[in-house]
């Protein structure tokens, strides 16, 4: 249902651990901060929270990377925003986007960029590609999974299925 209608997420009240304290490019298995943010989402009956860095910039979800679509342009936080550089994120940027005839910009994103987005989608090993339809109460775009997210989800699944069938 969430893949069809989009998932509702919140913005976590706690920020991401600063890069100066724990470099997120090092997969240290220290996920306590993310787990506490996930618990915050779960306490509201949701499955995901968006985490900001200590500068108020968008970093990531508790276990997913985030992408924003606005006026046909796809953007994701730049690596210096302080998040784990996910392998699914890399696959979407390097493989899925070009297969869809798109490119992804890495740039600083602020919360208002999320609220003003036409579409938002999250990527992760377990989630694959999933659209977000609401951040708290505000509706994203038209409140449904947008066409770009649908295309990325479809292409991602086809690529993974084709790769698996070739093994």
C-alpha atoms as a PDB file:
ATOM      1  CA  UNK A   1       0.000   0.000   0.000  1.00  0.00           C
ATOM      2  CA  UNK A   2       2.790   2.460   0.881  1.00  0.00           C
ATOM      3  CA  UNK A   3       4.520   1.777  -2.429  1.00  0.00           C
ATOM      4  CA  UNK A   4       1.291   2.706  -4.206  1.00  0.00           C
ATOM      5  CA  UNK A   5       0.139   5.625  -2.029  1.00  0.00           C
ATOM      6  CA  UNK A   6       3.415   6.833  -0.522  1.00  0.00           C
ATOM      7  CA  UNK A   7       4.460   6.735   3.074  1.00  0.00           C
ATOM      8  CA  UNK A   8       3.998   9.395   5.701  1.00  0.00           C
ATOM      9  CA  UNK A   9       7.198  10.430   7.463  1.00  0.00           C
ATOM     10  CA  UNK A  10       8.118  12.952  10.147  1.00  0.00           C
ATOM     11  CA  UNK A  11      11.112  15.151  10.782  1.00  0.00           C
ATOM     12  CA  UNK A  12      13.006  13.742  13.744  1.00  0.00           C
ATOM     13  CA  UNK A  13      13.388  16.045  16.723  1.00  0.00           C
ATOM     14  CA  UNK A  14      17.003  14.968  17.195  1.00  0.00           C
ATOM     15  CA  UNK A  15      19.667  15.932  14.656  1.00  0.00           C
ATOM     16  CA  UNK A  16      22.067  13.582  12.949  1.00  0.00           C
ATOM     17  CA  UNK A  17      25.358  13.078  14.807  1.00  0.00           C
ATOM     18  CA  UNK A  18      27.766  15.803  13.599  1.00  0.00           C
ATOM     19  CA  UNK A  19      30.383  14.690  11.080  1.00  0.00           C
ATOM     20  CA  UNK A  20      33.076  16.066  13.405  1.00  0.00           C
ATOM     21  CA  UNK A  21      31.981  13.563  16.076  1.00  0.00           C
ATOM     22  CA  UNK A  22      31.375  10.493  13.938  1.00  0.00           C
ATOM     23  CA  UNK A  23      32.150  10.368  10.230  1.00  0.00           C
ATOM     24  CA  UNK A  24      29.037   8.803   8.657  1.00  0.00           C
ATOM     25  CA  UNK A  25      31.058   7.483   5.723  1.00  0.00           C
ATOM     26  CA  UNK A  26      32.526   4.984   8.202  1.00  0.00           C
ATOM     27  CA  UNK A  27      29.951   2.252   8.740  1.00  0.00           C
ATOM     28  CA  UNK A  28      30.699   1.913  12.436  1.00  0.00           C
ATOM     29  CA  UNK A  29      27.444   0.178  13.408  1.00  0.00           C
ATOM     30  CA  UNK A  30      26.815   3.045  15.841  1.00  0.00           C
ATOM     31  CA  UNK A  31      23.172   3.594  14.893  1.00  0.00           C
ATOM     32  CA  UNK A  32      21.851   4.710  18.288  1.00  0.00           C
ATOM     33  CA  UNK A  33      20.968   8.202  17.078  1.00  0.00           C
ATOM     34  CA  UNK A  34      19.110   6.790  14.069  1.00  0.00           C
ATOM     35  CA  UNK A  35      17.401   4.162  16.224  1.00  0.00           C
ATOM     36  CA  UNK A  36      16.110   6.825  18.613  1.00  0.00           C
ATOM     37  CA  UNK A  37      14.768   8.829  15.651  1.00  0.00           C
ATOM     38  CA  UNK A  38      13.152   5.642  14.293  1.00  0.00           C
ATOM     39  CA  UNK A  39      11.529   5.069  17.701  1.00  0.00           C
ATOM     40  CA  UNK A  40      10.151   8.611  17.499  1.00  0.00           C
ATOM     41  CA  UNK A  41       8.517   7.760  14.158  1.00  0.00           C
ATOM     42  CA  UNK A  42       7.223   4.421  15.420  1.00  0.00           C
ATOM     43  CA  UNK A  43       5.670   6.123  18.468  1.00  0.00           C
ATOM     44  CA  UNK A  44       3.548   8.085  15.982  1.00  0.00           C
ATOM     45  CA  UNK A  45       2.595   4.980  14.023  1.00  0.00           C
ATOM     46  CA  UNK A  46       5.032   5.756  11.200  1.00  0.00           C
ATOM     47  CA  UNK A  47       7.983   3.869   9.762  1.00  0.00           C
ATOM     48  CA  UNK A  48      10.449   6.615   8.910  1.00  0.00           C
ATOM     49  CA  UNK A  49      11.797   9.956  10.070  1.00  0.00           C
ATOM     50  CA  UNK A  50      13.885  12.481   8.191  1.00  0.00           C
ATOM     51  CA  UNK A  51      17.023  13.528  10.043  1.00  0.00           C
ATOM     52  CA  UNK A  52      18.581  16.956   9.713  1.00  0.00           C
ATOM     53  CA  UNK A  53      22.214  17.698  10.468  1.00  0.00           C
ATOM     54  CA  UNK A  54      23.186  20.185  13.174  1.00  0.00           C
ATOM     55  CA  UNK A  55      23.115  23.009  10.579  1.00  0.00           C
ATOM     56  CA  UNK A  56      19.448  22.277   9.835  1.00  0.00           C
ATOM     57  CA  UNK A  57      20.219  20.709   6.447  1.00  0.00           C
ATOM     58  CA  UNK A  58      18.529  17.512   5.288  1.00  0.00           C
ATOM     59  CA  UNK A  59      20.809  14.531   5.865  1.00  0.00           C
ATOM     60  CA  UNK A  60      18.928  11.230   5.541  1.00  0.00           C
ATOM     61  CA  UNK A  61      16.158   9.048   6.863  1.00  0.00           C
ATOM     62  CA  UNK A  62      16.781   6.783   9.838  1.00  0.00           C
ATOM     63  CA  UNK A  63      17.713   3.963   7.486  1.00  0.00           C
ATOM     64  CA  UNK A  64      17.218   5.417   4.029  1.00  0.00           C
ATOM     65  CA  UNK A  65      18.663   8.088   1.774  1.00  0.00           C
ATOM     66  CA  UNK A  66      16.369  10.815   0.487  1.00  0.00           C
ATOM     67  CA  UNK A  67      15.711  12.280  -2.967  1.00  0.00           C
ATOM     68  CA  UNK A  68      13.621  15.306  -3.911  1.00  0.00           C
ATOM     69  CA  UNK A  69      11.983  16.043  -7.266  1.00  0.00           C
ATOM     70  CA  UNK A  70      11.084  19.648  -8.074  1.00  0.00           C
ATOM     71  CA  UNK A  71      10.142  20.872 -11.561  1.00  0.00           C
ATOM     72  CA  UNK A  72      11.624  17.709 -13.099  1.00  0.00           C
ATOM     73  CA  UNK A  73      14.990  18.101 -11.322  1.00  0.00           C
ATOM     74  CA  UNK A  74      16.080  15.330  -8.961  1.00  0.00           C
ATOM     75  CA  UNK A  75      18.313  16.236  -6.023  1.00  0.00           C
ATOM     76  CA  UNK A  76      19.725  14.409  -3.036  1.00  0.00           C
ATOM     77  CA  UNK A  77      21.800  15.743  -0.147  1.00  0.00           C
ATOM     78  CA  UNK A  78      25.479  16.267  -0.858  1.00  0.00           C
ATOM     79  CA  UNK A  79      27.849  13.905   0.968  1.00  0.00           C
ATOM     80  CA  UNK A  80      29.070  16.709   3.255  1.00  0.00           C
ATOM     81  CA  UNK A  81      25.538  16.862   4.743  1.00  0.00           C
ATOM     82  CA  UNK A  82      26.529  14.001   7.048  1.00  0.00           C
ATOM     83  CA  UNK A  83      24.919  10.678   6.149  1.00  0.00           C
ATOM     84  CA  UNK A  84      25.884   7.152   5.215  1.00  0.00           C
ATOM     85  CA  UNK A  85      26.583   6.882   1.501  1.00  0.00           C
ATOM     86  CA  UNK A  86      24.206   4.012   0.836  1.00  0.00           C
ATOM     87  CA  UNK A  87      24.820   1.450  -1.876  1.00  0.00           C
ATOM     88  CA  UNK A  88      21.201   1.706  -3.031  1.00  0.00           C
ATOM     89  CA  UNK A  89      21.601   5.495  -3.244  1.00  0.00           C
ATOM     90  CA  UNK A  90      24.688   5.006  -5.412  1.00  0.00           C
ATOM     91  CA  UNK A  91      22.884   2.469  -7.615  1.00  0.00           C
ATOM     92  CA  UNK A  92      19.968   4.871  -8.102  1.00  0.00           C
ATOM     93  CA  UNK A  93      22.290   7.797  -8.954  1.00  0.00           C
ATOM     94  CA  UNK A  94      24.725   5.877 -11.176  1.00  0.00           C
ATOM     95  CA  UNK A  95      22.475   3.289 -12.830  1.00  0.00           C
ATOM     96  CA  UNK A  96      18.733   3.797 -12.376  1.00  0.00           C
ATOM     97  CA  UNK A  97      18.647   7.541 -13.088  1.00  0.00           C
ATOM     98  CA  UNK A  98      20.605   7.272 -16.370  1.00  0.00           C
ATOM     99  CA  UNK A  99      18.414   4.332 -17.441  1.00  0.00           C
ATOM    100  CA  UNK A 100      15.408   6.637 -16.905  1.00  0.00           C
ATOM    101  CA  UNK A 101      17.107   9.423 -18.873  1.00  0.00           C
ATOM    102  CA  UNK A 102      17.663  11.475 -15.714  1.00  0.00           C
ATOM    103  CA  UNK A 103      20.547  12.833 -13.689  1.00  0.00           C
ATOM    104  CA  UNK A 104      20.656  13.448  -9.953  1.00  0.00           C
ATOM    105  CA  UNK A 105      22.166  16.568  -8.407  1.00  0.00           C
ATOM    106  CA  UNK A 106      23.946  16.313  -5.078  1.00  0.00           C
ATOM    107  CA  UNK A 107      23.360  19.540  -3.197  1.00  0.00           C
ATOM    108  CA  UNK A 108      22.479  21.076   0.129  1.00  0.00           C
ATOM    109  CA  UNK A 109      18.800  20.566   0.865  1.00  0.00           C
ATOM    110  CA  UNK A 110      16.796  22.353   3.523  1.00  0.00           C
ATOM    111  CA  UNK A 111      13.523  21.353   5.086  1.00  0.00           C
ATOM    112  CA  UNK A 112      11.650  23.869   2.923  1.00  0.00           C
ATOM    113  CA  UNK A 113      12.983  22.016  -0.148  1.00  0.00           C
ATOM    114  CA  UNK A 114      11.176  18.929   1.099  1.00  0.00           C
ATOM    115  CA  UNK A 115       7.938  20.774   1.844  1.00  0.00           C
ATOM    116  CA  UNK A 116       7.999  22.438  -1.598  1.00  0.00           C
ATOM    117  CA  UNK A 117       8.918  19.268  -3.509  1.00  0.00           C
ATOM    118  CA  UNK A 118       6.749  17.787  -6.228  1.00  0.00           C
ATOM    119  CA  UNK A 119       7.895  14.325  -5.147  1.00  0.00           C
ATOM    120  CA  UNK A 120      10.091  12.752  -2.490  1.00  0.00           C
ATOM    121  CA  UNK A 121      11.423   9.239  -2.505  1.00  0.00           C
ATOM    122  CA  UNK A 122      13.623   7.245  -0.192  1.00  0.00           C
ATOM    123  CA  UNK A 123      16.122   4.557  -1.106  1.00  0.00           C
ATOM    124  CA  UNK A 124      17.580   1.761   0.957  1.00  0.00           C
ATOM    125  CA  UNK A 125      18.453  -1.902   0.843  1.00  0.00           C
ATOM    126  CA  UNK A 126      15.165  -2.964   2.443  1.00  0.00           C
ATOM    127  CA  UNK A 127      12.962  -0.144   1.100  1.00  0.00           C
ATOM    128  CA  UNK A 128      14.429  -0.172  -2.430  1.00  0.00           C
ATOM    129  CA  UNK A 129      12.689   2.957  -3.831  1.00  0.00           C
ATOM    130  CA  UNK A 130       9.593   4.224  -2.013  1.00  0.00           C
ATOM    131  CA  UNK A 131       7.714   7.497  -2.291  1.00  0.00           C
ATOM    132  CA  UNK A 132       6.847   9.766   0.620  1.00  0.00           C
ATOM    133  CA  UNK A 133       3.467  11.480   0.425  1.00  0.00           C
ATOM    134  CA  UNK A 134       3.437  13.485   3.678  1.00  0.00           C
ATOM    135  CA  UNK A 135       5.943  14.959   6.109  1.00  0.00           C
ATOM    136  CA  UNK A 136       3.942  15.210   9.287  1.00  0.00           C
ATOM    137  CA  UNK A 137       0.716  16.908   8.224  1.00  0.00           C
ATOM    138  CA  UNK A 138       1.970  18.734   5.097  1.00  0.00           C
ATOM    139  CA  UNK A 139       1.241  16.876   1.865  1.00  0.00           C
ATOM    140  CA  UNK A 140       4.050  16.471  -0.663  1.00  0.00           C
ATOM    141  CA  UNK A 141       3.075  17.359  -4.230  1.00  0.00           C
ATOM    142  CA  UNK A 142      -0.399  16.039  -4.844  1.00  0.00           C
ATOM    143  CA  UNK A 143      -0.199  13.603  -1.924  1.00  0.00           C
ATOM    144  CA  UNK A 144       0.444  10.592  -4.125  1.00  0.00           C
ATOM    145  CA  UNK A 145       3.506   8.790  -5.420  1.00  0.00           C
ATOM    146  CA  UNK A 146       4.635  10.894  -8.375  1.00  0.00           C
ATOM    147  CA  UNK A 147       5.510   9.766 -11.896  1.00  0.00           C
ATOM    148  CA  UNK A 148       9.283  10.102 -11.450  1.00  0.00           C
ATOM    149  CA  UNK A 149       9.183   7.983  -8.286  1.00  0.00           C
ATOM    150  CA  UNK A 150       7.000   5.419 -10.045  1.00  0.00           C
ATOM    151  CA  UNK A 151       9.452   5.242 -12.959  1.00  0.00           C
ATOM    152  CA  UNK A 152      12.466   4.883 -10.656  1.00  0.00           C
ATOM    153  CA  UNK A 153      10.725   2.168  -8.618  1.00  0.00           C
ATOM    154  CA  UNK A 154       9.752   0.237 -11.759  1.00  0.00           C
ATOM    155  CA  UNK A 155      13.212   0.556 -13.329  1.00  0.00           C
ATOM    156  CA  UNK A 156      14.967  -0.374 -10.080  1.00  0.00           C
ATOM    157  CA  UNK A 157      12.852  -3.518  -9.690  1.00  0.00           C
ATOM    158  CA  UNK A 158      13.329  -4.537 -13.330  1.00  0.00           C
ATOM    159  CA  UNK A 159      17.111  -4.095 -13.077  1.00  0.00           C
ATOM    160  CA  UNK A 160      17.348  -6.065  -9.861  1.00  0.00           C
ATOM    161  CA  UNK A 161      15.087  -8.829 -11.199  1.00  0.00           C
ATOM    162  CA  UNK A 162      17.068  -9.052 -14.452  1.00  0.00           C
ATOM    163  CA  UNK A 163      20.365  -9.168 -12.582  1.00  0.00           C
ATOM    164  CA  UNK A 164      19.057 -11.869 -10.256  1.00  0.00           C
ATOM    165  CA  UNK A 165      17.793 -13.989 -13.159  1.00  0.00           C
ATOM    166  CA  UNK A 166      21.198 -13.811 -14.849  1.00  0.00           C
ATOM    167  CA  UNK A 167      22.950 -15.347 -11.815  1.00  0.00           C
END
